[in-house]
N, C-alpha and C. Protein backbone atom coordinates (compact mmCIF):
# COMPACT_ATOMS: atom_id res chain seq x y z
N MET A 1 -9.87 5.81 34.18
CA MET A 1 -10.39 6.36 32.96
C MET A 1 -10.89 7.77 33.21
N ILE A 2 -10.58 8.67 32.31
CA ILE A 2 -11.01 10.06 32.43
C ILE A 2 -12.41 10.19 31.84
N ALA A 3 -13.31 10.88 32.55
CA ALA A 3 -14.68 11.08 32.08
C ALA A 3 -14.66 11.77 30.72
N GLY A 4 -15.48 11.27 29.82
CA GLY A 4 -15.59 11.88 28.50
C GLY A 4 -14.52 11.42 27.51
N GLU A 5 -13.58 10.63 27.96
CA GLU A 5 -12.52 10.16 27.07
C GLU A 5 -13.06 9.03 26.20
N ASN A 6 -12.72 9.04 24.93
CA ASN A 6 -13.20 8.04 23.99
C ASN A 6 -12.21 6.87 23.93
N HIS A 7 -12.67 5.70 24.30
CA HIS A 7 -11.83 4.49 24.24
C HIS A 7 -12.40 3.48 23.27
N GLY A 8 -13.13 3.95 22.26
CA GLY A 8 -13.73 3.05 21.28
C GLY A 8 -12.71 2.24 20.51
N TRP A 9 -11.51 2.77 20.35
CA TRP A 9 -10.47 2.05 19.61
C TRP A 9 -10.13 0.72 20.28
N ARG A 10 -10.36 0.60 21.57
CA ARG A 10 -10.03 -0.64 22.28
C ARG A 10 -10.88 -1.81 21.80
N ARG A 11 -12.08 -1.49 21.33
CA ARG A 11 -12.98 -2.54 20.90
C ARG A 11 -12.89 -2.82 19.42
N HIS A 12 -12.01 -2.14 18.73
CA HIS A 12 -11.88 -2.32 17.29
C HIS A 12 -11.27 -3.69 17.01
N PRO A 13 -11.84 -4.48 16.09
CA PRO A 13 -11.36 -5.84 15.86
C PRO A 13 -9.86 -5.99 15.64
N PRO A 14 -9.19 -5.10 14.86
CA PRO A 14 -7.74 -5.29 14.71
C PRO A 14 -7.01 -5.19 16.04
N VAL A 15 -7.49 -4.33 16.94
CA VAL A 15 -6.86 -4.19 18.25
C VAL A 15 -7.11 -5.44 19.09
N ASN A 16 -8.34 -5.97 18.99
CA ASN A 16 -8.68 -7.16 19.76
C ASN A 16 -8.21 -8.45 19.10
N GLY A 17 -7.76 -8.39 17.86
CA GLY A 17 -7.20 -9.55 17.19
C GLY A 17 -8.22 -10.54 16.67
N ASN A 18 -9.45 -10.12 16.38
CA ASN A 18 -10.46 -11.03 15.84
C ASN A 18 -10.77 -10.65 14.40
N PRO A 19 -10.07 -11.24 13.42
CA PRO A 19 -10.26 -10.83 12.02
C PRO A 19 -11.64 -11.17 11.46
N LYS A 20 -12.39 -12.09 12.08
CA LYS A 20 -13.72 -12.42 11.58
C LYS A 20 -14.66 -11.22 11.66
N ASN A 21 -14.44 -10.33 12.61
CA ASN A 21 -15.31 -9.17 12.79
C ASN A 21 -14.75 -7.91 12.14
N LEU A 22 -13.70 -8.04 11.35
CA LEU A 22 -13.07 -6.87 10.74
C LEU A 22 -14.01 -6.24 9.72
N PRO A 23 -14.38 -4.98 9.90
CA PRO A 23 -15.27 -4.33 8.95
C PRO A 23 -14.61 -4.18 7.58
N ARG A 24 -15.37 -4.40 6.53
CA ARG A 24 -14.83 -4.31 5.18
C ARG A 24 -14.26 -2.93 4.89
N GLN A 25 -14.94 -1.89 5.37
CA GLN A 25 -14.46 -0.54 5.07
C GLN A 25 -13.09 -0.28 5.71
N TYR A 26 -12.78 -0.97 6.81
CA TYR A 26 -11.47 -0.81 7.42
C TYR A 26 -10.38 -1.30 6.48
N VAL A 27 -10.60 -2.45 5.88
CA VAL A 27 -9.62 -3.02 4.95
C VAL A 27 -9.46 -2.10 3.75
N TYR A 28 -10.57 -1.58 3.24
CA TYR A 28 -10.52 -0.68 2.09
C TYR A 28 -9.76 0.59 2.44
N LYS A 29 -10.06 1.19 3.57
CA LYS A 29 -9.38 2.42 3.98
C LYS A 29 -7.89 2.18 4.20
N TYR A 30 -7.56 1.05 4.80
CA TYR A 30 -6.15 0.74 5.05
C TYR A 30 -5.41 0.59 3.72
N ALA A 31 -6.00 -0.15 2.78
CA ALA A 31 -5.35 -0.39 1.49
C ALA A 31 -5.19 0.90 0.69
N THR A 32 -6.23 1.74 0.68
CA THR A 32 -6.12 2.98 -0.08
C THR A 32 -5.17 3.96 0.61
N GLY A 33 -5.17 3.98 1.93
CA GLY A 33 -4.22 4.83 2.65
C GLY A 33 -2.79 4.42 2.40
N TYR A 34 -2.54 3.11 2.40
CA TYR A 34 -1.20 2.58 2.12
C TYR A 34 -0.78 2.94 0.70
N SER A 35 -1.72 2.82 -0.24
CA SER A 35 -1.43 3.14 -1.64
C SER A 35 -1.11 4.62 -1.81
N ALA A 36 -1.90 5.48 -1.17
CA ALA A 36 -1.67 6.92 -1.27
C ALA A 36 -0.33 7.30 -0.63
N ALA A 37 -0.05 6.75 0.55
CA ALA A 37 1.21 7.06 1.23
C ALA A 37 2.41 6.59 0.42
N SER A 38 2.28 5.42 -0.20
CA SER A 38 3.37 4.90 -1.04
C SER A 38 3.60 5.81 -2.24
N ALA A 39 2.50 6.26 -2.84
CA ALA A 39 2.62 7.15 -4.00
C ALA A 39 3.26 8.48 -3.61
N LEU A 40 2.86 9.02 -2.47
CA LEU A 40 3.46 10.28 -2.00
C LEU A 40 4.96 10.12 -1.74
N SER A 41 5.34 9.04 -1.09
CA SER A 41 6.76 8.85 -0.78
C SER A 41 7.57 8.59 -2.05
N ARG A 42 7.00 7.83 -3.00
CA ARG A 42 7.72 7.60 -4.27
C ARG A 42 7.92 8.92 -5.00
N SER A 43 6.91 9.77 -4.99
CA SER A 43 7.01 11.07 -5.65
C SER A 43 8.10 11.93 -5.01
N ILE A 44 8.16 11.93 -3.69
CA ILE A 44 9.19 12.71 -3.00
C ILE A 44 10.58 12.18 -3.33
N LEU A 45 10.73 10.86 -3.34
CA LEU A 45 12.04 10.28 -3.65
C LEU A 45 12.45 10.55 -5.10
N ALA A 46 11.48 10.57 -6.01
CA ALA A 46 11.78 10.76 -7.42
C ALA A 46 11.95 12.22 -7.81
N HIS A 47 11.20 13.12 -7.18
CA HIS A 47 11.16 14.51 -7.64
C HIS A 47 11.71 15.53 -6.64
N GLY A 48 12.02 15.10 -5.44
CA GLY A 48 12.65 15.98 -4.47
C GLY A 48 11.79 17.15 -4.01
N SER A 49 12.39 18.33 -3.98
CA SER A 49 11.78 19.53 -3.40
C SER A 49 10.38 19.88 -3.91
N PRO A 50 10.12 19.81 -5.22
CA PRO A 50 8.76 20.13 -5.67
C PRO A 50 7.71 19.19 -5.07
N ALA A 51 8.04 17.91 -4.96
CA ALA A 51 7.11 16.94 -4.38
C ALA A 51 6.96 17.17 -2.88
N VAL A 52 8.04 17.56 -2.22
CA VAL A 52 7.96 17.87 -0.79
C VAL A 52 7.03 19.07 -0.58
N ALA A 53 7.15 20.08 -1.43
CA ALA A 53 6.30 21.26 -1.32
C ALA A 53 4.82 20.89 -1.51
N ARG A 54 4.54 20.03 -2.51
CA ARG A 54 3.15 19.58 -2.73
C ARG A 54 2.64 18.80 -1.52
N TYR A 55 3.51 17.97 -0.94
CA TYR A 55 3.12 17.18 0.23
C TYR A 55 2.82 18.09 1.43
N LEU A 56 3.67 19.09 1.64
CA LEU A 56 3.44 20.02 2.75
C LEU A 56 2.15 20.81 2.55
N ASP A 57 1.87 21.21 1.30
CA ASP A 57 0.61 21.89 1.00
C ASP A 57 -0.58 20.97 1.29
N PHE A 58 -0.41 19.70 0.95
CA PHE A 58 -1.44 18.71 1.23
C PHE A 58 -1.71 18.63 2.73
N LEU A 59 -0.65 18.57 3.53
CA LEU A 59 -0.80 18.51 4.98
C LEU A 59 -1.45 19.77 5.54
N LYS A 60 -1.03 20.93 5.02
CA LYS A 60 -1.57 22.20 5.50
C LYS A 60 -3.05 22.37 5.16
N SER A 61 -3.51 21.68 4.13
CA SER A 61 -4.90 21.87 3.69
C SER A 61 -5.90 21.25 4.66
N GLY A 62 -5.46 20.37 5.53
CA GLY A 62 -6.35 19.79 6.53
C GLY A 62 -7.56 19.14 5.90
N ASP A 63 -8.74 19.59 6.34
CA ASP A 63 -9.98 19.04 5.78
C ASP A 63 -10.70 20.07 4.90
N ALA A 64 -9.93 20.86 4.18
CA ALA A 64 -10.49 21.92 3.35
C ALA A 64 -11.26 21.40 2.14
N ASP A 65 -11.05 20.14 1.78
CA ASP A 65 -11.71 19.56 0.62
C ASP A 65 -11.80 18.05 0.83
N TYR A 66 -12.40 17.37 -0.11
CA TYR A 66 -12.47 15.91 -0.04
C TYR A 66 -11.08 15.32 -0.18
N PRO A 67 -10.81 14.20 0.49
CA PRO A 67 -9.47 13.60 0.44
C PRO A 67 -8.97 13.33 -0.98
N LEU A 68 -9.84 12.84 -1.86
CA LEU A 68 -9.40 12.56 -3.23
C LEU A 68 -8.92 13.83 -3.93
N ASN A 69 -9.60 14.94 -3.70
CA ASN A 69 -9.19 16.21 -4.31
C ASN A 69 -7.87 16.70 -3.73
N LEU A 70 -7.71 16.56 -2.42
CA LEU A 70 -6.47 17.01 -1.78
C LEU A 70 -5.29 16.16 -2.25
N LEU A 71 -5.50 14.86 -2.36
CA LEU A 71 -4.42 13.99 -2.85
C LEU A 71 -4.04 14.32 -4.29
N ARG A 72 -5.05 14.66 -5.09
CA ARG A 72 -4.78 15.01 -6.49
C ARG A 72 -3.88 16.24 -6.56
N VAL A 73 -4.13 17.22 -5.71
CA VAL A 73 -3.28 18.42 -5.66
C VAL A 73 -1.86 18.04 -5.24
N ALA A 74 -1.74 17.03 -4.40
CA ALA A 74 -0.42 16.56 -3.94
C ALA A 74 0.26 15.70 -4.99
N GLY A 75 -0.43 15.43 -6.11
CA GLY A 75 0.17 14.65 -7.18
C GLY A 75 -0.23 13.19 -7.21
N VAL A 76 -1.23 12.81 -6.43
CA VAL A 76 -1.68 11.41 -6.40
C VAL A 76 -3.14 11.36 -6.83
N ASP A 77 -3.40 10.70 -7.95
CA ASP A 77 -4.77 10.57 -8.46
C ASP A 77 -5.32 9.21 -8.07
N MET A 78 -6.02 9.16 -6.94
CA MET A 78 -6.56 7.90 -6.45
C MET A 78 -7.76 7.43 -7.27
N ALA A 79 -8.25 8.26 -8.21
CA ALA A 79 -9.34 7.83 -9.09
C ALA A 79 -8.80 6.96 -10.22
N SER A 80 -7.50 6.96 -10.41
CA SER A 80 -6.88 6.11 -11.42
C SER A 80 -6.36 4.84 -10.75
N PRO A 81 -6.14 3.78 -11.51
CA PRO A 81 -5.64 2.54 -10.91
C PRO A 81 -4.16 2.58 -10.55
N GLY A 82 -3.44 3.59 -11.00
CA GLY A 82 -1.99 3.65 -10.81
C GLY A 82 -1.50 3.54 -9.38
N PRO A 83 -1.97 4.38 -8.46
CA PRO A 83 -1.46 4.31 -7.09
C PRO A 83 -1.75 2.99 -6.39
N VAL A 84 -2.94 2.45 -6.61
CA VAL A 84 -3.28 1.18 -5.97
C VAL A 84 -2.44 0.05 -6.54
N GLN A 85 -2.28 0.02 -7.87
CA GLN A 85 -1.47 -1.03 -8.49
C GLN A 85 -0.02 -0.92 -8.04
N ALA A 86 0.50 0.29 -7.96
CA ALA A 86 1.88 0.47 -7.50
C ALA A 86 2.02 0.02 -6.04
N GLY A 87 1.02 0.30 -5.21
CA GLY A 87 1.04 -0.16 -3.83
C GLY A 87 1.02 -1.68 -3.74
N LEU A 88 0.19 -2.31 -4.58
CA LEU A 88 0.15 -3.77 -4.61
C LEU A 88 1.48 -4.35 -5.08
N ASP A 89 2.08 -3.73 -6.07
CA ASP A 89 3.38 -4.19 -6.56
C ASP A 89 4.45 -4.07 -5.48
N LEU A 90 4.43 -2.98 -4.75
CA LEU A 90 5.39 -2.79 -3.66
C LEU A 90 5.19 -3.85 -2.59
N PHE A 91 3.93 -4.09 -2.23
CA PHE A 91 3.64 -5.10 -1.21
C PHE A 91 4.11 -6.48 -1.68
N ALA A 92 3.87 -6.81 -2.94
CA ALA A 92 4.30 -8.11 -3.48
C ALA A 92 5.82 -8.23 -3.42
N SER A 93 6.53 -7.16 -3.74
CA SER A 93 8.00 -7.22 -3.70
C SER A 93 8.51 -7.40 -2.27
N LEU A 94 7.82 -6.79 -1.31
CA LEU A 94 8.21 -6.95 0.10
C LEU A 94 7.97 -8.38 0.57
N VAL A 95 6.86 -8.98 0.14
CA VAL A 95 6.58 -10.37 0.48
C VAL A 95 7.64 -11.28 -0.13
N GLU A 96 8.01 -11.02 -1.37
CA GLU A 96 9.05 -11.84 -2.02
C GLU A 96 10.37 -11.71 -1.27
N ARG A 97 10.72 -10.51 -0.86
CA ARG A 97 11.96 -10.32 -0.09
C ARG A 97 11.93 -11.08 1.23
N MET A 98 10.77 -11.02 1.89
CA MET A 98 10.63 -11.73 3.16
C MET A 98 10.74 -13.25 2.95
N GLU A 99 10.08 -13.75 1.91
CA GLU A 99 10.16 -15.19 1.64
C GLU A 99 11.59 -15.63 1.34
N ALA A 100 12.35 -14.78 0.67
CA ALA A 100 13.74 -15.10 0.37
C ALA A 100 14.58 -15.18 1.63
N LEU A 101 14.21 -14.41 2.65
CA LEU A 101 14.94 -14.43 3.92
C LEU A 101 14.60 -15.64 4.78
N LEU A 102 13.43 -16.21 4.54
CA LEU A 102 12.99 -17.34 5.34
C LEU A 102 13.56 -18.59 4.81
């Protein structure tokens, strides 16, 4: 181990496989991140170059503003129920596809 190196991720419950200790905020962050990423990718697939440009601007902005504001500039309004509902719908369709294969 290198001195000063942070290995806190090793003790994180998802890494250790103990879901009883999973922090609630982790689940929330994962779900909202999945929803935002799904919305960004859907926008790129539907609108092409303009959506790619907004996405690249979003990436270039780094931590210049709050995440919700940066996502809004990229075309994703996480304050509305749309992105989360679309993410849930996508996840449900993937589960249905998997069940059909089993």
